[in-house]
Structures are given as structure tokens and as C-alpha cells.
Amino acid sequence: RQFAPTKMLHEDDPNLATEQLLDRAEAYFNTRYFNKAVPLLTQVLTKDSTNTNARYYRGVCLVELDQQDAARRDLLTIYEGKSALQYDAVFYIALSYLKQGDKQLCLEWLLKIPENASIYLKVQKLVGELR
């Protein structure tokens, strides 16, 4: 729990339909109603499958909802796409394994995050607790 909290932030989308969905998803996500955010983020991805923010935050929601396989599919897409959220996605992939009790796979994923990543301090703290 102490490593997972994150806030959803999104930039304005010129597509009004997805902008409204993202606004609603952000409100649910930030109040930890992940089960209500997921369908909205899925609607965004149906309209725009390239929306990396929607895919990342849906992945985070799914981790929180203990749907680890589905979460990892979204998060791996972000990681492999080399987006700005790449290492944040790796962190949540690691957490998904930790939530399943697999400390070794969690550690393996955490070690993929470089020192220059913005999330690195959080990573180091978790690595320290796992060792």
C-alpha cells in the first residue's frame, strides 16, 4: 500500500468525447474508485487505442483491483512503447508480482529501472525492503 499511491493527471484532449471520459476517470481514480475508473478508461482506449495515459492508468487500476494479468498487459504495452511513463509502468508491473507474493519477479522488474528515472528513490526503498 505504501508504494502504490499515485494521482492520475491528464492533459487536455482536443477530442471532447474522450476529454469528458478522462475527467470522470481521473475523479474516480484519485478517490480510489478504481472499479469505476476502469470502464471509463476502456472507453477512451476504444476511441483512441494509442492513448498511453489511459492505458497506464487502467493498468494501475487493475493492479489495485487484483487483476494482475490484465494489468500487466496494459503496463507491458507502455513499457515496450518507450513512453514517458515507461518506468512508472515497470514499477507497477513489479508491484503486480509483489501483490501475488512473487518477491523474486518483483525484484527483477524493479532492477530494470535506471537511476535517472523519476521513480528511482521509491524503487530503491522497495528493493531495500525486499532484500
N, C-alpha and C. Protein backbone atom coordinates (compact mmCIF):
# COMPACT_ATOMS: atom_id res chain seq x y z
N ARG A 1 0.81 -1.21 0.00
CA ARG A 1 0.00 0.00 0.00
C ARG A 1 0.84 1.26 0.00
N GLN A 2 1.93 1.27 0.75
CA GLN A 2 2.72 2.49 0.84
C GLN A 2 3.44 2.83 -0.46
N PHE A 3 3.64 1.86 -1.34
CA PHE A 3 4.36 2.12 -2.57
C PHE A 3 3.44 2.42 -3.75
N ALA A 4 2.19 2.06 -3.64
CA ALA A 4 1.29 2.16 -4.78
C ALA A 4 0.67 3.53 -5.03
N PRO A 5 0.39 4.35 -4.03
CA PRO A 5 -0.40 5.55 -4.31
C PRO A 5 0.19 6.44 -5.41
N THR A 6 -0.66 6.80 -6.31
CA THR A 6 -0.30 7.73 -7.38
C THR A 6 -1.56 8.51 -7.73
N LYS A 7 -1.37 9.68 -8.26
CA LYS A 7 -2.50 10.51 -8.69
C LYS A 7 -2.58 10.46 -10.21
N MET A 8 -3.79 10.44 -10.70
CA MET A 8 -3.99 10.49 -12.15
C MET A 8 -4.03 11.94 -12.57
N LEU A 9 -3.22 12.25 -13.55
CA LEU A 9 -3.20 13.57 -14.16
C LEU A 9 -3.25 13.36 -15.66
N HIS A 10 -4.01 14.16 -16.35
CA HIS A 10 -4.01 14.05 -17.80
C HIS A 10 -4.05 15.44 -18.43
N GLU A 11 -3.49 15.50 -19.61
CA GLU A 11 -3.51 16.75 -20.36
C GLU A 11 -4.84 16.84 -21.09
N ASP A 12 -5.25 18.06 -21.37
CA ASP A 12 -6.49 18.25 -22.12
C ASP A 12 -6.39 17.55 -23.47
N ASP A 13 -7.46 16.91 -23.82
CA ASP A 13 -7.55 16.19 -25.08
C ASP A 13 -8.46 16.98 -26.01
N PRO A 14 -8.02 17.26 -27.23
CA PRO A 14 -8.87 18.01 -28.15
C PRO A 14 -10.15 17.26 -28.52
N ASN A 15 -10.16 15.96 -28.33
CA ASN A 15 -11.34 15.15 -28.61
C ASN A 15 -12.27 15.26 -27.40
N LEU A 16 -13.32 16.02 -27.54
CA LEU A 16 -14.22 16.31 -26.42
C LEU A 16 -14.79 15.06 -25.78
N ALA A 17 -15.12 14.05 -26.56
CA ALA A 17 -15.70 12.83 -26.01
C ALA A 17 -14.72 12.14 -25.07
N THR A 18 -13.46 12.03 -25.46
CA THR A 18 -12.50 11.37 -24.58
C THR A 18 -12.09 12.29 -23.43
N GLU A 19 -12.12 13.58 -23.63
CA GLU A 19 -11.78 14.51 -22.56
C GLU A 19 -12.74 14.36 -21.38
N GLN A 20 -14.02 14.27 -21.68
CA GLN A 20 -15.01 14.10 -20.62
C GLN A 20 -14.83 12.76 -19.91
N LEU A 21 -14.54 11.73 -20.67
CA LEU A 21 -14.30 10.41 -20.07
C LEU A 21 -13.07 10.45 -19.17
N LEU A 22 -12.01 11.10 -19.64
CA LEU A 22 -10.79 11.20 -18.85
C LEU A 22 -11.00 12.02 -17.58
N ASP A 23 -11.76 13.08 -17.67
CA ASP A 23 -12.06 13.88 -16.48
C ASP A 23 -12.78 13.04 -15.43
N ARG A 24 -13.76 12.27 -15.87
CA ARG A 24 -14.51 11.41 -14.93
C ARG A 24 -13.63 10.30 -14.38
N ALA A 25 -12.83 9.70 -15.25
CA ALA A 25 -11.92 8.63 -14.81
C ALA A 25 -10.92 9.17 -13.79
N GLU A 26 -10.42 10.37 -14.04
CA GLU A 26 -9.46 10.99 -13.12
C GLU A 26 -10.09 11.19 -11.74
N ALA A 27 -11.32 11.66 -11.70
CA ALA A 27 -12.01 11.86 -10.42
C ALA A 27 -12.17 10.54 -9.67
N TYR A 28 -12.58 9.49 -10.36
CA TYR A 28 -12.72 8.18 -9.72
C TYR A 28 -11.36 7.63 -9.28
N PHE A 29 -10.38 7.72 -10.14
CA PHE A 29 -9.05 7.19 -9.84
C PHE A 29 -8.49 7.87 -8.59
N ASN A 30 -8.57 9.18 -8.55
CA ASN A 30 -7.95 9.93 -7.46
C ASN A 30 -8.68 9.79 -6.13
N THR A 31 -9.88 9.24 -6.17
CA THR A 31 -10.60 8.93 -4.93
C THR A 31 -10.63 7.42 -4.69
N ARG A 32 -9.79 6.69 -5.45
CA ARG A 32 -9.58 5.25 -5.29
C ARG A 32 -10.79 4.40 -5.64
N TYR A 33 -11.67 4.91 -6.48
CA TYR A 33 -12.78 4.12 -7.01
C TYR A 33 -12.33 3.51 -8.34
N PHE A 34 -11.35 2.62 -8.25
CA PHE A 34 -10.72 2.06 -9.43
C PHE A 34 -11.71 1.28 -10.29
N ASN A 35 -12.65 0.60 -9.64
CA ASN A 35 -13.64 -0.18 -10.38
C ASN A 35 -14.53 0.70 -11.25
N LYS A 36 -14.68 1.97 -10.89
CA LYS A 36 -15.47 2.90 -11.71
C LYS A 36 -14.61 3.58 -12.77
N ALA A 37 -13.31 3.70 -12.51
CA ALA A 37 -12.40 4.32 -13.48
C ALA A 37 -12.11 3.41 -14.66
N VAL A 38 -12.01 2.11 -14.41
CA VAL A 38 -11.63 1.16 -15.47
C VAL A 38 -12.56 1.22 -16.68
N PRO A 39 -13.88 1.17 -16.52
CA PRO A 39 -14.74 1.21 -17.72
C PRO A 39 -14.59 2.52 -18.50
N LEU A 40 -14.37 3.61 -17.80
CA LEU A 40 -14.19 4.89 -18.49
C LEU A 40 -12.89 4.90 -19.27
N LEU A 41 -11.83 4.39 -18.67
CA LEU A 41 -10.54 4.32 -19.37
C LEU A 41 -10.61 3.36 -20.54
N THR A 42 -11.38 2.30 -20.40
CA THR A 42 -11.58 1.37 -21.50
C THR A 42 -12.31 2.05 -22.65
N GLN A 43 -13.29 2.89 -22.33
CA GLN A 43 -14.00 3.64 -23.38
C GLN A 43 -13.04 4.57 -24.11
N VAL A 44 -12.15 5.22 -23.37
CA VAL A 44 -11.15 6.09 -24.01
C VAL A 44 -10.30 5.27 -24.96
N LEU A 45 -9.85 4.11 -24.52
CA LEU A 45 -8.99 3.27 -25.36
C LEU A 45 -9.73 2.70 -26.56
N THR A 46 -11.03 2.52 -26.44
CA THR A 46 -11.84 2.08 -27.58
C THR A 46 -11.86 3.16 -28.65
N LYS A 47 -11.93 4.41 -28.21
CA LYS A 47 -11.94 5.53 -29.14
C LYS A 47 -10.54 5.89 -29.65
N ASP A 48 -9.52 5.66 -28.80
CA ASP A 48 -8.14 6.01 -29.15
C ASP A 48 -7.20 5.01 -28.50
N SER A 49 -6.89 3.94 -29.21
CA SER A 49 -6.05 2.87 -28.65
C SER A 49 -4.61 3.31 -28.39
N THR A 50 -4.22 4.47 -28.90
CA THR A 50 -2.85 4.96 -28.70
C THR A 50 -2.71 5.86 -27.48
N ASN A 51 -3.77 6.05 -26.72
CA ASN A 51 -3.73 6.93 -25.56
C ASN A 51 -2.96 6.24 -24.43
N THR A 52 -1.67 6.58 -24.31
CA THR A 52 -0.82 5.91 -23.33
C THR A 52 -1.21 6.23 -21.89
N ASN A 53 -1.70 7.43 -21.64
CA ASN A 53 -2.12 7.77 -20.28
C ASN A 53 -3.29 6.90 -19.84
N ALA A 54 -4.28 6.75 -20.70
CA ALA A 54 -5.43 5.92 -20.36
C ALA A 54 -5.00 4.47 -20.13
N ARG A 55 -4.11 3.97 -20.98
CA ARG A 55 -3.64 2.59 -20.84
C ARG A 55 -2.85 2.41 -19.53
N TYR A 56 -1.98 3.37 -19.23
CA TYR A 56 -1.19 3.29 -17.99
C TYR A 56 -2.10 3.32 -16.76
N TYR A 57 -2.99 4.28 -16.70
CA TYR A 57 -3.85 4.39 -15.52
C TYR A 57 -4.83 3.22 -15.40
N ARG A 58 -5.25 2.67 -16.53
CA ARG A 58 -6.08 1.48 -16.45
C ARG A 58 -5.27 0.33 -15.87
N GLY A 59 -4.02 0.22 -16.29
CA GLY A 59 -3.14 -0.81 -15.74
C GLY A 59 -2.97 -0.66 -14.24
N VAL A 60 -2.78 0.57 -13.78
CA VAL A 60 -2.63 0.82 -12.34
C VAL A 60 -3.92 0.42 -11.62
N CYS A 61 -5.06 0.80 -12.17
CA CYS A 61 -6.35 0.42 -11.57
C CYS A 61 -6.45 -1.09 -11.44
N LEU A 62 -6.08 -1.79 -12.49
CA LEU A 62 -6.19 -3.25 -12.49
C LEU A 62 -5.26 -3.89 -11.47
N VAL A 63 -4.08 -3.31 -11.26
CA VAL A 63 -3.20 -3.79 -10.19
C VAL A 63 -3.93 -3.66 -8.85
N GLU A 64 -4.51 -2.50 -8.63
CA GLU A 64 -5.21 -2.23 -7.37
C GLU A 64 -6.42 -3.14 -7.19
N LEU A 65 -7.03 -3.56 -8.30
CA LEU A 65 -8.21 -4.43 -8.25
C LEU A 65 -7.85 -5.91 -8.29
N ASP A 66 -6.55 -6.21 -8.15
CA ASP A 66 -6.04 -7.59 -8.15
C ASP A 66 -6.35 -8.34 -9.43
N GLN A 67 -6.31 -7.65 -10.54
CA GLN A 67 -6.44 -8.26 -11.88
C GLN A 67 -5.08 -8.15 -12.55
N GLN A 68 -4.12 -8.91 -11.99
CA GLN A 68 -2.71 -8.72 -12.34
C GLN A 68 -2.38 -9.05 -13.79
N ASP A 69 -2.95 -10.11 -14.34
CA ASP A 69 -2.63 -10.45 -15.73
C ASP A 69 -3.07 -9.35 -16.69
N ALA A 70 -4.28 -8.87 -16.51
CA ALA A 70 -4.79 -7.78 -17.36
C ALA A 70 -3.98 -6.52 -17.14
N ALA A 71 -3.62 -6.25 -15.90
CA ALA A 71 -2.81 -5.06 -15.58
C ALA A 71 -1.47 -5.13 -16.31
N ARG A 72 -0.83 -6.28 -16.25
CA ARG A 72 0.48 -6.42 -16.89
C ARG A 72 0.39 -6.27 -18.40
N ARG A 73 -0.70 -6.69 -19.01
CA ARG A 73 -0.84 -6.50 -20.47
C ARG A 73 -0.80 -5.01 -20.80
N ASP A 74 -1.56 -4.20 -20.06
CA ASP A 74 -1.54 -2.76 -20.30
C ASP A 74 -0.18 -2.16 -20.00
N LEU A 75 0.39 -2.53 -18.87
CA LEU A 75 1.65 -1.93 -18.44
C LEU A 75 2.81 -2.35 -19.32
N LEU A 76 2.79 -3.58 -19.81
CA LEU A 76 3.84 -4.02 -20.75
C LEU A 76 3.77 -3.24 -22.06
N THR A 77 2.57 -2.93 -22.49
CA THR A 77 2.42 -2.11 -23.70
C THR A 77 3.09 -0.76 -23.51
N ILE A 78 2.92 -0.17 -22.34
CA ILE A 78 3.55 1.12 -22.04
C ILE A 78 5.07 0.95 -21.98
N TYR A 79 5.53 -0.07 -21.30
CA TYR A 79 6.97 -0.31 -21.17
C TYR A 79 7.63 -0.53 -22.53
N GLU A 80 7.02 -1.34 -23.35
CA GLU A 80 7.60 -1.65 -24.66
C GLU A 80 7.49 -0.49 -25.64
N GLY A 81 6.56 0.43 -25.39
CA GLY A 81 6.38 1.58 -26.27
C GLY A 81 7.33 2.72 -26.00
N LYS A 82 8.12 2.60 -24.96
CA LYS A 82 9.12 3.63 -24.62
C LYS A 82 8.50 5.01 -24.39
N SER A 83 7.36 5.05 -23.72
CA SER A 83 6.73 6.34 -23.43
C SER A 83 7.36 6.98 -22.21
N ALA A 84 6.96 8.19 -21.91
CA ALA A 84 7.45 8.89 -20.73
C ALA A 84 7.05 8.16 -19.44
N LEU A 85 6.04 7.32 -19.53
CA LEU A 85 5.58 6.55 -18.37
C LEU A 85 6.21 5.15 -18.30
N GLN A 86 7.20 4.91 -19.13
CA GLN A 86 7.81 3.60 -19.26
C GLN A 86 8.23 3.00 -17.91
N TYR A 87 8.98 3.74 -17.12
CA TYR A 87 9.49 3.17 -15.88
C TYR A 87 8.47 3.20 -14.76
N ASP A 88 7.48 4.09 -14.86
CA ASP A 88 6.36 4.03 -13.92
C ASP A 88 5.59 2.73 -14.15
N ALA A 89 5.45 2.37 -15.43
CA ALA A 89 4.77 1.12 -15.77
C ALA A 89 5.56 -0.08 -15.24
N VAL A 90 6.87 -0.04 -15.36
CA VAL A 90 7.71 -1.12 -14.84
C VAL A 90 7.51 -1.26 -13.33
N PHE A 91 7.45 -0.14 -12.63
CA PHE A 91 7.24 -0.15 -11.19
C PHE A 91 5.93 -0.86 -10.84
N TYR A 92 4.87 -0.57 -11.58
CA TYR A 92 3.59 -1.22 -11.30
C TYR A 92 3.57 -2.68 -11.74
N ILE A 93 4.34 -3.03 -12.75
CA ILE A 93 4.49 -4.44 -13.09
C ILE A 93 5.13 -5.16 -11.91
N ALA A 94 6.17 -4.55 -11.36
CA ALA A 94 6.83 -5.13 -10.18
C ALA A 94 5.84 -5.28 -9.03
N LEU A 95 5.06 -4.24 -8.77
CA LEU A 95 4.07 -4.31 -7.69
C LEU A 95 3.03 -5.41 -7.94
N SER A 96 2.69 -5.62 -9.21
CA SER A 96 1.71 -6.66 -9.52
C SER A 96 2.23 -8.03 -9.10
N TYR A 97 3.53 -8.26 -9.29
CA TYR A 97 4.11 -9.52 -8.85
C TYR A 97 4.20 -9.58 -7.32
N LEU A 98 4.52 -8.47 -6.70
CA LEU A 98 4.58 -8.43 -5.24
C LEU A 98 3.21 -8.74 -4.63
N LYS A 99 2.16 -8.20 -5.23
CA LYS A 99 0.81 -8.46 -4.73
C LYS A 99 0.44 -9.94 -4.85
N GLN A 100 1.10 -10.64 -5.75
CA GLN A 100 0.86 -12.08 -5.89
C GLN A 100 1.85 -12.89 -5.05
N GLY A 101 2.69 -12.21 -4.29
CA GLY A 101 3.63 -12.89 -3.41
C GLY A 101 4.91 -13.33 -4.07
N ASP A 102 5.17 -12.88 -5.30
CA ASP A 102 6.38 -13.27 -6.01
C ASP A 102 7.44 -12.17 -5.88
N LYS A 103 8.18 -12.23 -4.78
CA LYS A 103 9.19 -11.20 -4.50
C LYS A 103 10.33 -11.23 -5.51
N GLN A 104 10.68 -12.42 -6.00
CA GLN A 104 11.79 -12.53 -6.96
C GLN A 104 11.47 -11.80 -8.28
N LEU A 105 10.29 -12.07 -8.83
CA LEU A 105 9.92 -11.38 -10.08
C LEU A 105 9.75 -9.89 -9.84
N CYS A 106 9.22 -9.53 -8.69
CA CYS A 106 9.10 -8.11 -8.35
C CYS A 106 10.48 -7.46 -8.39
N LEU A 107 11.44 -8.07 -7.74
CA LEU A 107 12.80 -7.53 -7.71
C LEU A 107 13.41 -7.47 -9.10
N GLU A 108 13.19 -8.49 -9.91
CA GLU A 108 13.73 -8.49 -11.28
C GLU A 108 13.21 -7.29 -12.07
N TRP A 109 11.93 -7.00 -11.93
CA TRP A 109 11.36 -5.86 -12.65
C TRP A 109 11.87 -4.54 -12.09
N LEU A 110 11.99 -4.45 -10.77
CA LEU A 110 12.50 -3.21 -10.17
C LEU A 110 13.90 -2.89 -10.65
N LEU A 111 14.70 -3.92 -10.86
CA LEU A 111 16.09 -3.71 -11.28
C LEU A 111 16.21 -3.26 -12.73
N LYS A 112 15.11 -3.22 -13.46
CA LYS A 112 15.10 -2.70 -14.83
C LYS A 112 15.01 -1.16 -14.85
N ILE A 113 14.73 -0.58 -13.70
CA ILE A 113 14.52 0.88 -13.63
C ILE A 113 15.85 1.56 -13.37
N PRO A 114 16.28 2.44 -14.27
CA PRO A 114 17.59 3.09 -14.14
C PRO A 114 17.60 4.21 -13.08
N GLU A 115 18.80 4.56 -12.65
CA GLU A 115 18.98 5.59 -11.63
C GLU A 115 18.39 6.94 -12.02
N ASN A 116 18.35 7.25 -13.31
CA ASN A 116 17.86 8.56 -13.74
C ASN A 116 16.34 8.63 -13.87
N ALA A 117 15.65 7.54 -13.56
CA ALA A 117 14.18 7.54 -13.62
C ALA A 117 13.63 8.31 -12.43
N SER A 118 12.56 9.06 -12.66
CA SER A 118 11.99 9.89 -11.60
C SER A 118 11.48 9.07 -10.42
N ILE A 119 11.21 7.83 -10.63
CA ILE A 119 10.65 6.96 -9.59
C ILE A 119 11.74 6.18 -8.84
N TYR A 120 12.99 6.44 -9.15
CA TYR A 120 14.11 5.63 -8.65
C TYR A 120 14.20 5.57 -7.12
N LEU A 121 13.96 6.66 -6.43
CA LEU A 121 14.06 6.64 -4.96
C LEU A 121 13.04 5.69 -4.34
N LYS A 122 11.84 5.71 -4.89
CA LYS A 122 10.79 4.80 -4.43
C LYS A 122 11.21 3.34 -4.71
N VAL A 123 11.82 3.14 -5.87
CA VAL A 123 12.30 1.81 -6.25
C VAL A 123 13.33 1.32 -5.26
N GLN A 124 14.30 2.18 -4.94
CA GLN A 124 15.37 1.78 -4.03
C GLN A 124 14.83 1.42 -2.64
N LYS A 125 13.85 2.15 -2.19
CA LYS A 125 13.24 1.85 -0.89
C LYS A 125 12.59 0.48 -0.90
N LEU A 126 11.86 0.18 -1.97
CA LEU A 126 11.21 -1.12 -2.07
C LEU A 126 12.23 -2.24 -2.22
N VAL A 127 13.26 -2.02 -3.02
CA VAL A 127 14.32 -3.02 -3.18
C VAL A 127 14.94 -3.33 -1.82
N GLY A 128 15.20 -2.28 -1.04
CA GLY A 128 15.76 -2.46 0.29
C GLY A 128 14.88 -3.31 1.19
N GLU A 129 13.59 -3.13 1.08
CA GLU A 129 12.66 -3.93 1.90
C GLU A 129 12.55 -5.37 1.43
N LEU A 130 12.80 -5.59 0.14
CA LEU A 130 12.70 -6.95 -0.39
C LEU A 130 13.95 -7.79 -0.10
N ARG A 131 15.06 -7.12 0.12
CA ARG A 131 16.33 -7.87 0.32
C ARG A 131 16.53 -8.22 1.76
